[in-house]
C-alpha cells in the first residue's frame, strides 16, 4: 500500500503542475488518476482485494462519501432546489425512482442469478450522477443555463436520496436471515433514516446558528470558520452512527440545514477548504477505482453485464428523465433528451460499489464490483472529453 500512496502523491502533484494545460485538453484529474490507478493495480491487485474487505476500508469509504454529500448539499445555488424547483423535484422524486425501478427490472432479465436485493444495490450504484469527471459540461456556456443548473441540482442531491435505499439493500442482502423479512429490514432502515434526519438537521442548524451569532460578535476568524465546516460532516456522520442512525443521510441533511440557515454571500469562500478536501478525496477515489478496475476485470466480464451497464448509462436514465419532464413547458423535447443523456457516473458509484464489495457475501460482491467498474468506465467513454462539445451542438440545434 506504500507504493500506492507514493504513486498517488506523485501523479497528483504532476497533475497539479499542469492542471491549466490539461484542462484546455479537457483532461480532468479523475481521468489522469484512473490511468495511474490502473498502472498501479497490476502490481497490487492481491493486496488491494484484502484491504478492500477490511472494516477500516469500509469506514474510510463511508466517511469520504459523507464529506462529499455535505459538500454537494451546500453547493446548490438559487434556493433549496435551485432556480427551477419544479423541474428539480420532477428529476429527483419521479425520474430517480423510475430509474432505480427500471434498473432492477432490466437486471432481473439480464442477471437472473442475482437476488432482487443485490439488484437494488446495483441500481443504487449505476443510477446516481456525478459531474466530477465531466466538469466542463456544467461550465460550458454553449449549453443552456437552465439545463446546467438543473443538472447541478440533480448531481448535488441524487446520491443523498439514494443512500438510504442503498443501505436498505445492503442490510437485506448482507444478512441471509433477513432474506424473507424485507418489511422488517425496511422498517429498520426507516428508523435509521429518521434518526439520521433528526441528527443531521440538529447539527446543521446548531452550527449555522452558532456561526451566525459568533460572526456578529466578531468571535471567529476566517480560518476558524473554514475549519469548523470541515468538522460538520464528520460530526453529523459520527453522532448519527452513535445513535444507530444512517451516517450518509445525516451528513447530507446536515449540509441542507446548514446551507439554508447560513445565508451569507461569503458561504462559497467559507467552503473553500472543505471543497479542496472534497476534491482531494474525490481524486483519491478515482485512483483507487483505477486499481480496482484491474482487480475486477481480471476475472472476465460477461456479455450480460456489458449490456446491462450500457442500458444503465442510456435507457435507464434517458427514458425516466424524458417521462418525468413531460408537461414541463420550460424544456423542449430535445432538451429533455439532452438532460437524460448528460448523466456521467462518478464518485458516488465508486464508493457505493466499494462498500457493496466490502459488505456483500462472496459471489455477489464480485458481481457488484464488476458492474460498478464497467458502468463507470463506460461513462468515462460516453461522457468524456467530447461530451461537452457534442451536448453544446445538440443544445444549439434546439434553438
Protein backbone atom coordinates (compact mmCIF):
# COMPACT_ATOMS: atom_id res chain seq x y z
CA UNK A 1 0.00 0.00 0.00
CA UNK A 2 3.02 2.28 0.48
CA UNK A 3 3.68 2.01 -3.26
CA UNK A 4 0.09 3.04 -3.97
CA UNK A 5 0.36 6.06 -1.65
CA UNK A 6 3.59 7.20 -3.28
CA UNK A 7 2.16 6.71 -6.76
CA UNK A 8 -0.96 8.70 -5.95
CA UNK A 9 1.07 11.55 -4.46
CA UNK A 10 3.43 11.74 -7.43
CA UNK A 11 0.68 11.59 -10.07
CA UNK A 12 -1.50 14.10 -8.22
CA UNK A 13 1.43 16.50 -7.94
CA UNK A 14 2.18 16.07 -11.65
CA UNK A 15 -1.46 16.79 -12.48
CA UNK A 16 -1.45 19.90 -10.26
CA UNK A 17 1.66 21.26 -12.01
CA UNK A 18 -0.03 21.00 -15.41
CA UNK A 19 -3.72 21.38 -14.46
CA UNK A 20 -4.21 24.52 -16.56
CA UNK A 21 -2.94 22.94 -19.75
CA UNK A 22 -4.72 19.65 -19.11
CA UNK A 23 -7.99 21.49 -18.54
CA UNK A 24 -7.71 23.05 -22.00
CA UNK A 25 -7.45 19.50 -23.35
CA UNK A 26 -10.49 18.56 -21.22
CA UNK A 27 -8.40 16.07 -19.25
CA UNK A 28 -9.64 16.21 -15.67
CA UNK A 29 -7.90 14.97 -12.54
CA UNK A 30 -10.17 11.87 -12.32
CA UNK A 31 -9.19 10.81 -15.84
CA UNK A 32 -5.48 11.15 -15.14
CA UNK A 33 -5.71 9.36 -11.80
CA UNK A 34 -7.73 6.48 -13.24
CA UNK A 35 -4.90 5.74 -15.66
CA UNK A 36 -2.37 5.93 -12.82
CA UNK A 37 -4.50 3.65 -10.67
CA UNK A 38 -4.73 1.09 -13.47
CA UNK A 39 -0.94 1.07 -13.80
CA UNK A 40 -0.53 0.52 -10.04
CA UNK A 41 -3.32 -2.06 -9.96
CA UNK A 42 -1.30 -4.59 -11.96
CA UNK A 43 1.19 -4.90 -9.10
CA UNK A 44 -1.13 -4.56 -6.09
CA UNK A 45 -4.31 -6.47 -7.00
CA UNK A 46 -3.95 -9.19 -4.34
CA UNK A 47 -3.15 -6.76 -1.52
CA UNK A 48 -5.89 -4.44 -2.73
CA UNK A 49 -8.58 -7.14 -2.52
CA UNK A 50 -7.60 -7.89 1.07
CA UNK A 51 -7.55 -4.21 2.00
CA UNK A 52 -10.97 -3.50 0.50
CA UNK A 53 -12.53 -6.21 2.62
CA UNK A 54 -11.42 -4.60 5.88
CA UNK A 55 -13.51 -2.61 8.36
CA UNK A 56 -11.06 0.27 8.05
CA UNK A 57 -11.67 0.48 4.29
CA UNK A 58 -15.42 0.40 4.85
CA UNK A 59 -15.36 3.25 7.38
CA UNK A 60 -12.96 5.23 5.22
CA UNK A 61 -15.20 4.96 2.17
CA UNK A 62 -18.26 5.85 4.25
CA UNK A 63 -16.57 8.94 5.70
CA UNK A 64 -15.42 10.10 2.27
CA UNK A 65 -18.97 9.82 0.93
CA UNK A 66 -20.33 11.65 3.99
CA UNK A 67 -17.99 14.59 3.33
CA UNK A 68 -18.91 14.67 -0.36
CA UNK A 69 -22.64 14.52 0.42
CA UNK A 70 -22.30 17.50 2.75
CA UNK A 71 -20.35 19.46 0.13
CA UNK A 72 -22.92 18.65 -2.56
CA UNK A 73 -25.82 19.70 -0.33
CA UNK A 74 -24.24 23.10 0.34
CA UNK A 75 -23.37 23.76 -3.31
CA UNK A 76 -26.91 24.32 -4.63
CA UNK A 77 -27.41 27.84 -6.00
CA UNK A 78 -30.68 29.76 -6.02
CA UNK A 79 -32.65 28.16 -3.18
CA UNK A 80 -33.24 24.74 -1.69
CA UNK A 81 -33.92 23.09 -5.07
CA UNK A 82 -32.15 25.58 -7.27
CA UNK A 83 -33.64 28.16 -9.60
CA UNK A 84 -36.21 25.80 -11.10
CA UNK A 85 -37.56 23.80 -8.14
CA UNK A 86 -40.44 22.20 -10.04
CA UNK A 87 -38.15 20.65 -12.63
CA UNK A 88 -35.69 19.60 -9.92
CA UNK A 89 -38.47 17.85 -8.00
CA UNK A 90 -39.52 16.04 -11.18
CA UNK A 91 -35.96 14.80 -11.72
CA UNK A 92 -35.27 13.83 -8.11
CA UNK A 93 -38.56 12.35 -6.96
CA UNK A 94 -40.02 10.99 -10.19
CA UNK A 95 -37.21 10.24 -12.64
CA UNK A 96 -34.80 8.94 -9.97
CA UNK A 97 -37.18 6.30 -8.50
CA UNK A 98 -38.22 5.28 -12.04
CA UNK A 99 -34.54 4.83 -12.94
CA UNK A 100 -33.95 2.62 -9.90
CA UNK A 101 -37.02 0.51 -10.70
CA UNK A 102 -36.07 0.18 -14.38
CA UNK A 103 -32.53 -0.84 -13.42
CA UNK A 104 -33.84 -3.59 -11.15
CA UNK A 105 -36.24 -4.76 -13.87
CA UNK A 106 -33.50 -4.93 -16.52
CA UNK A 107 -31.19 -6.60 -14.02
CA UNK A 108 -33.72 -9.35 -13.32
CA UNK A 109 -33.74 -10.06 -17.05
CA UNK A 110 -30.02 -9.82 -17.82
CA UNK A 111 -28.69 -11.05 -14.43
CA UNK A 112 -31.23 -13.76 -13.49
CA UNK A 113 -28.97 -15.42 -10.90
CA UNK A 114 -28.71 -12.25 -8.81
CA UNK A 115 -31.21 -11.70 -5.99
CA UNK A 116 -33.53 -8.69 -6.12
CA UNK A 117 -31.84 -7.22 -3.03
CA UNK A 118 -28.46 -7.23 -4.79
CA UNK A 119 -30.10 -5.87 -7.94
CA UNK A 120 -31.40 -2.98 -5.85
CA UNK A 121 -27.87 -2.35 -4.58
CA UNK A 122 -26.54 -2.46 -8.13
CA UNK A 123 -29.23 0.02 -9.20
CA UNK A 124 -28.06 2.40 -6.48
CA UNK A 125 -24.52 2.02 -7.83
CA UNK A 126 -25.25 2.74 -11.50
CA UNK A 127 -28.00 5.38 -11.27
CA UNK A 128 -26.56 8.42 -9.33
CA UNK A 129 -24.87 11.07 -11.46
CA UNK A 130 -21.65 12.93 -10.68
CA UNK A 131 -20.03 15.65 -12.78
CA UNK A 132 -16.55 15.38 -11.24
CA UNK A 133 -15.20 13.56 -14.34
CA UNK A 134 -17.09 15.89 -16.71
CA UNK A 135 -16.99 19.33 -15.06
CA UNK A 136 -16.70 21.04 -18.45
CA UNK A 137 -20.37 20.26 -19.10
CA UNK A 138 -21.53 22.41 -16.18
CA UNK A 139 -19.21 25.24 -17.20
CA UNK A 140 -19.91 25.19 -20.93
CA UNK A 141 -21.90 28.34 -21.68
CA UNK A 142 -22.96 26.93 -25.04
CA UNK A 143 -25.31 24.61 -23.13
CA UNK A 144 -28.42 26.49 -21.90
CA UNK A 145 -28.03 27.73 -18.35
CA UNK A 146 -31.37 26.20 -17.30
CA UNK A 147 -30.04 22.74 -18.25
CA UNK A 148 -26.73 23.23 -16.45
CA UNK A 149 -28.48 24.49 -13.31
CA UNK A 150 -30.88 21.55 -13.27
CA UNK A 151 -28.08 19.03 -13.75
CA UNK A 152 -26.12 20.66 -10.92
CA UNK A 153 -29.05 20.38 -8.52
CA UNK A 154 -29.62 16.77 -9.50
CA UNK A 155 -25.97 15.84 -9.01
CA UNK A 156 -25.98 17.56 -5.63
CA UNK A 157 -28.98 15.67 -4.28
CA UNK A 158 -29.38 12.31 -6.01
CA UNK A 159 -26.67 10.38 -4.16
CA UNK A 160 -28.02 11.60 -0.82
CA UNK A 161 -31.52 10.47 -1.77
CA UNK A 162 -30.27 7.09 -3.00
CA UNK A 163 -28.07 6.35 0.04
CA UNK A 164 -30.85 5.11 2.40
CA UNK A 165 -32.14 2.82 -0.37
CA UNK A 166 -28.60 1.52 -0.85
CA UNK A 167 -28.15 0.80 2.86
CA UNK A 168 -31.55 -0.92 2.97
CA UNK A 169 -30.41 -3.19 0.14
CA UNK A 170 -27.12 -3.91 1.92
CA UNK A 171 -28.93 -4.82 5.13
CA UNK A 172 -31.24 -7.18 3.28
CA UNK A 173 -28.64 -8.80 1.03
CA UNK A 174 -25.85 -8.97 3.59
CA UNK A 175 -27.91 -10.83 6.19
CA UNK A 176 -29.29 -14.09 4.83
CA UNK A 177 -31.51 -14.31 7.87
CA UNK A 178 -33.48 -11.28 6.67
CA UNK A 179 -33.99 -12.60 3.14
CA UNK A 180 -37.59 -13.48 3.88
CA UNK A 181 -38.26 -10.38 6.00
CA UNK A 182 -37.98 -7.39 3.68
CA UNK A 183 -40.60 -5.44 5.63
CA UNK A 184 -38.57 -5.84 8.81
CA UNK A 185 -35.43 -4.62 7.03
CA UNK A 186 -37.40 -1.73 5.53
CA UNK A 187 -38.73 -0.75 8.94
CA UNK A 188 -35.23 -0.81 10.38
CA UNK A 189 -33.93 1.32 7.50
CA UNK A 190 -36.71 3.85 8.01
CA UNK A 191 -35.96 4.16 11.72
CA UNK A 192 -32.26 4.65 10.98
CA UNK A 193 -33.07 7.26 8.33
CA UNK A 194 -35.44 9.21 10.57
CA UNK A 195 -32.85 9.16 13.33
CA UNK A 196 -30.25 10.42 10.88
CA UNK A 197 -32.51 13.22 9.67
CA UNK A 198 -33.02 14.40 13.25
CA UNK A 199 -29.27 14.32 13.94
CA UNK A 200 -28.37 15.98 10.65
CA UNK A 201 -30.90 18.79 10.99
CA UNK A 202 -29.81 19.41 14.58
CA UNK A 203 -26.08 19.51 13.80
CA UNK A 204 -26.51 21.67 10.70
CA UNK A 205 -28.93 24.09 12.35
CA UNK A 206 -26.92 24.44 15.56
CA UNK A 207 -23.62 25.00 13.75
CA UNK A 208 -25.13 27.54 11.34
CA UNK A 209 -26.84 29.41 14.18
CA UNK A 210 -23.71 29.47 16.34
CA UNK A 211 -21.56 30.67 13.43
CA UNK A 212 -24.07 33.43 12.68
CA UNK A 213 -24.03 34.57 16.32
CA UNK A 214 -20.25 34.33 16.64
CA UNK A 215 -19.77 36.28 13.43
CA UNK A 216 -21.95 39.15 14.66
CA UNK A 217 -19.84 39.36 17.82
CA UNK A 218 -16.54 39.15 15.99
CA UNK A 219 -15.60 35.98 17.86
CA UNK A 220 -14.38 33.99 14.82
CA UNK A 221 -11.63 34.33 12.28
CA UNK A 222 -11.87 33.46 8.59
CA UNK A 223 -9.67 30.43 9.22
CA UNK A 224 -11.73 29.15 12.15
CA UNK A 225 -14.90 29.45 10.07
CA UNK A 226 -13.36 27.33 7.34
CA UNK A 227 -12.11 24.81 9.88
CA UNK A 228 -15.42 24.34 11.65
CA UNK A 229 -17.06 23.48 8.33
CA UNK A 230 -14.61 20.60 7.96
CA UNK A 231 -15.88 19.12 11.22
CA UNK A 232 -19.57 19.46 10.29
CA UNK A 233 -19.98 16.33 8.09
CA UNK A 234 -17.71 14.31 10.38
CA UNK A 235 -19.75 15.37 13.41
CA UNK A 236 -23.06 14.57 11.74
CA UNK A 237 -21.80 11.22 10.48
CA UNK A 238 -20.25 10.19 13.81
CA UNK A 239 -23.17 11.26 16.01
CA UNK A 240 -25.62 9.50 13.72
CA UNK A 241 -23.71 6.23 13.92
CA UNK A 242 -23.51 6.60 17.70
CA UNK A 243 -27.32 6.56 17.96
CA UNK A 244 -27.73 3.87 15.26
CA UNK A 245 -28.66 6.30 12.50
CA UNK A 246 -27.74 6.45 8.82
CA UNK A 247 -24.47 8.39 8.64
CA UNK A 248 -24.87 9.24 4.94
CA UNK A 249 -28.33 10.70 5.37
CA UNK A 250 -27.21 12.62 8.43
CA UNK A 251 -24.26 14.28 6.64
CA UNK A 252 -26.45 15.08 3.63
CA UNK A 253 -29.28 16.60 5.69
CA UNK A 254 -26.74 18.47 7.80
CA UNK A 255 -25.48 20.16 4.63
CA UNK A 256 -29.01 21.12 3.59
CA UNK A 257 -29.86 22.58 7.02
CA UNK A 258 -26.56 24.43 7.22
CA UNK A 259 -26.94 25.89 3.73
CA UNK A 260 -30.49 27.02 4.45
CA UNK A 261 -29.63 28.82 7.72
CA UNK A 262 -26.18 30.11 6.87
CA UNK A 263 -27.39 32.69 4.37
CA UNK A 264 -24.34 34.77 3.52
CA UNK A 265 -22.63 35.82 0.28
CA UNK A 266 -19.36 34.62 1.84
CA UNK A 267 -20.50 30.98 2.07
CA UNK A 268 -18.56 29.89 -1.00
CA UNK A 269 -15.37 31.43 0.41
CA UNK A 270 -16.01 29.72 3.75
CA UNK A 271 -16.41 26.39 1.94
CA UNK A 272 -13.11 26.65 0.07
CA UNK A 273 -11.15 24.45 2.46
CA UNK A 274 -13.82 21.76 2.58
CA UNK A 275 -14.23 21.98 -1.21
CA UNK A 276 -10.50 21.36 -1.62
CA UNK A 277 -10.61 18.44 0.81
CA UNK A 278 -13.58 17.04 -1.09
CA UNK A 279 -11.68 17.42 -4.36
CA UNK A 280 -8.67 15.59 -2.90
CA UNK A 281 -10.88 12.76 -1.59
CA UNK A 282 -12.59 12.51 -4.97
CA UNK A 283 -9.20 12.28 -6.69
CA UNK A 284 -8.17 9.54 -4.25
CA UNK A 285 -11.32 7.54 -5.01
CA UNK A 286 -10.66 7.75 -8.75
CA UNK A 287 -7.12 6.48 -8.20
CA UNK A 288 -8.49 3.58 -6.16
CA UNK A 289 -11.07 2.98 -8.88
CA UNK A 290 -8.31 2.60 -11.47
CA UNK A 291 -6.56 -0.01 -9.33
CA UNK A 292 -9.85 -1.77 -8.58
CA UNK A 293 -10.62 -1.96 -12.30
CA UNK A 294 -7.66 -4.28 -12.78
CA UNK A 295 -8.86 -6.50 -9.93
CA UNK A 296 -12.45 -6.61 -11.20
CA UNK A 297 -11.75 -7.14 -14.89
CA UNK A 298 -9.06 -9.78 -14.33
CA UNK A 299 -11.78 -12.40 -13.81
CA UNK A 300 -13.51 -11.53 -17.09
CA UNK A 301 -16.77 -9.76 -17.87
CA UNK A 302 -19.88 -11.49 -19.17
CA UNK A 303 -21.82 -10.09 -22.12
CA UNK A 304 -24.90 -9.73 -19.92
CA UNK A 305 -23.08 -7.33 -17.57
CA UNK A 306 -21.80 -5.27 -20.50
CA UNK A 307 -25.31 -5.00 -21.97
CA UNK A 308 -26.78 -4.16 -18.56
CA UNK A 309 -24.25 -1.36 -18.00
CA UNK A 310 -24.82 0.01 -21.50
CA UNK A 311 -28.56 0.15 -20.84
CA UNK A 312 -27.94 1.63 -17.37
CA UNK A 313 -25.99 4.51 -18.91
CA UNK A 314 -28.59 5.18 -21.59
CA UNK A 315 -32.12 3.78 -21.36
CA UNK A 316 -32.26 3.59 -17.55
CA UNK A 317 -31.64 7.34 -17.37
CA UNK A 318 -32.99 8.79 -20.61
CA UNK A 319 -36.44 7.20 -20.52
CA UNK A 320 -37.34 8.13 -16.89
CA UNK A 321 -36.00 11.68 -17.33
CA UNK A 322 -37.93 12.15 -20.56
CA UNK A 323 -41.15 10.85 -18.96
CA UNK A 324 -40.67 12.89 -15.79
CA UNK A 325 -40.20 16.11 -17.77
CA UNK A 326 -43.31 15.63 -19.93
CA UNK A 327 -45.63 18.58 -19.49
CA UNK A 328 -42.80 20.90 -18.44
CA UNK A 329 -43.09 24.00 -20.67
CA UNK A 330 -39.53 25.11 -19.89
CA UNK A 331 -37.88 22.29 -21.84
CA UNK A 332 -38.31 21.16 -25.42
CA UNK A 333 -38.28 17.52 -26.48
CA UNK A 334 -34.61 17.66 -27.50
CA UNK A 335 -33.67 19.40 -24.27
CA UNK A 336 -35.33 16.63 -22.27
CA UNK A 337 -33.33 14.07 -24.22
CA UNK A 338 -30.18 16.13 -23.63
CA UNK A 339 -30.77 16.21 -19.87
CA UNK A 340 -31.24 12.43 -19.92
CA UNK A 341 -28.07 11.83 -21.87
CA UNK A 342 -25.91 14.13 -19.72
CA UNK A 343 -25.61 11.88 -16.70
CA UNK A 344 -21.99 10.88 -16.00
CA UNK A 345 -21.33 8.41 -13.20
CA UNK A 346 -18.53 9.02 -10.76
CA UNK A 347 -17.55 9.15 -7.12
CA UNK A 348 -20.89 8.06 -5.62
CA UNK A 349 -20.97 4.99 -7.88
CA UNK A 350 -17.38 4.15 -6.95
CA UNK A 351 -17.97 4.46 -3.19
CA UNK A 352 -21.25 2.55 -3.31
CA UNK A 353 -19.57 -0.17 -5.37
CA UNK A 354 -16.64 -0.48 -2.96
CA UNK A 355 -18.99 -0.63 0.02
CA UNK A 356 -21.03 -3.33 -1.70
CA UNK A 357 -17.82 -5.32 -2.33
CA UNK A 358 -16.92 -4.94 1.34
CA UNK A 359 -20.31 -5.98 2.77
CA UNK A 360 -21.93 -8.42 0.35
CA UNK A 361 -21.41 -12.20 0.58
CA UNK A 362 -18.91 -13.94 -1.68
CA UNK A 363 -20.12 -14.08 -5.27
CA UNK A 364 -22.46 -11.13 -5.02
CA UNK A 365 -19.55 -8.90 -4.05
CA UNK A 366 -17.69 -9.54 -7.31
CA UNK A 367 -20.82 -9.03 -9.39
CA UNK A 368 -21.45 -5.63 -7.81
CA UNK A 369 -17.80 -4.63 -8.21
CA UNK A 370 -17.63 -5.64 -11.88
CA UNK A 371 -20.88 -3.79 -12.67
CA UNK A 372 -19.55 -0.66 -10.96
CA UNK A 373 -16.27 -0.78 -12.88
CA UNK A 374 -17.86 -1.41 -16.28
CA UNK A 375 -20.54 1.26 -15.72
CA UNK A 376 -18.08 3.95 -14.62
CA UNK A 377 -15.57 3.13 -17.37
CA UNK A 378 -18.43 3.21 -19.87
CA UNK A 379 -19.47 6.60 -18.52
CA UNK A 380 -15.93 7.93 -18.91
CA UNK A 381 -16.12 6.98 -22.60
CA UNK A 382 -19.69 8.20 -23.13
CA UNK A 383 -19.40 11.40 -21.10
CA UNK A 384 -15.70 12.04 -21.64
CA UNK A 385 -13.82 14.98 -23.17
CA UNK A 386 -16.00 15.19 -26.27
CA UNK A 387 -19.33 15.08 -24.44
CA UNK A 388 -19.46 18.81 -23.70
CA UNK A 389 -18.95 19.79 -27.35
CA UNK A 390 -21.50 17.24 -28.58
CA UNK A 391 -24.01 18.38 -25.98
CA UNK A 392 -23.46 22.03 -26.92
CA UNK A 393 -24.09 21.29 -30.59
CA UNK A 394 -27.27 19.39 -29.74
CA UNK A 395 -28.38 22.22 -27.47
CA UNK A 396 -27.76 24.78 -30.24
CA UNK A 397 -29.82 22.65 -32.62
CA UNK A 398 -32.82 23.04 -30.31
CA UNK A 399 -32.77 26.85 -30.60
